[in-house]
Amino acid sequence: MDALVAAPILVTMTLVVSAVTKLGEREGIEDAMTSLRLPLRPAHRAIAAVLPGLELLLALALWVPAAGIGVVAASGATVLMLAYLVIIARALTFEEEVSCSCFGSLASPAVSRATLWRNMLLVVLSAATVVSAATGRTALVLTQSPLALLGTALALLIAVVLTVLVLGGTRDAGARGTDDGAGRGDGTAFDGTADGGEEELLDYERSPIPGGVLQRPDGSLVTLRQLAGRRAVLLIFVSEGCGPCERVLDAAPAWITDLVPFMDVRIALSRPLDQLREATLQRVGDHALHDLQFTARTALGARVAPSAVLLGADGLLAGGPVAGGSGVTAFVAEIQEQLAGAMEDGELRPEEQP
């Protein structure tokens, strides 16, 4: 079996695996599109919903023997692979490392030169698929030698699987921490009084707030303990540009409005505040702090962004850290729920805003 037949088989495998792994990762695909700074952000949700079906359709259409259909499908696959290649090449010019989900949850999330070479190879294979379809080679083998075609496909599949196993898989186990929705290995708790009382609503071993430093908008420094010196502080760590972080930033204004009567809400960013985008400043306002060299986040044991922790006014941690966009969202929802319950029971009332 020649290369003009192997090419559409490999492209088909790529499209099918990519589509299947995208089916349960719609939010992750949206986050990746945001991280890659793709335009038309309001359309990301629709694109993430349609993309798996498009990839499956292309994969199936490659093998339709009717005249012209295979050529159109192969051309469409080539255009898609070229688009992925351009997106990856552009992402490599960004200052910060970004993640992609061009080929679903099995793909290595961190964009690197290896990602670029992979996409270049897929473009070449897609171009060969166009030639195979245009010359009738794909249809000929499909109709006249189906068993040989099946054997080649099986051999290529085994080779791909063995390569993946030898390389130790395709996704870094720790990379999912950016948005695995779990991030609760240390447990969470919230002191319903929000001022460092002794009653805890969950089994959570509280520990002293560690020594970490953040920078205020005026350039002055504040330690984590000083930050929570008067009242509890919900501290959320984000990095501009990452998909899950952008989701957290979108939700931040509502969280600030809801929680400020009971506690301070601070958003710690990895970039200096004078370098933040206008869109970021509009969402967090004067609640922004700069986490210099990730020192505060590291001290708190929050390994990734986004992440969040609740600092008690008694000098002890009151909840977290939690990691991932889904984890942070659930953490804040839990705090809101417990605050609402405490207010209903008459145990808590909003403080006057300073």
Foldseek 3Di string as FASTA:
>chain_A
DDLLLVLLLVLLVQLLQLLVQLPPCLLVQLLQCLLLVPPPSVCSSVCSNCRSVLSNVLSVQCQDLPPPSNLVSLVVSLVLLVVVLVSLVSQVPDPDWFFHSSRHPQAAGTRDVVNNVVSVVNNVSSVSSNVCRVVSVSNCCVPPPVVVSVVSSVVVVVVVVVVCVVVPGHYDPVVCLQAVLFQQPQHWWADLQQADDDDIPDPHDKDFQFWAWWAALVGDIDTPLRQLQGGKEKEWEAEPSRRLRVVVLVCQQVLCVLCVLHGHYAYEYQDRPVPDDPVSCVRQPRRYIYRDVCRSCVRQVNPYPGWIWMQHNVRITRTDGGHHSNNVVVNSVVSSVSNVVCVVVVNYDGHDHD
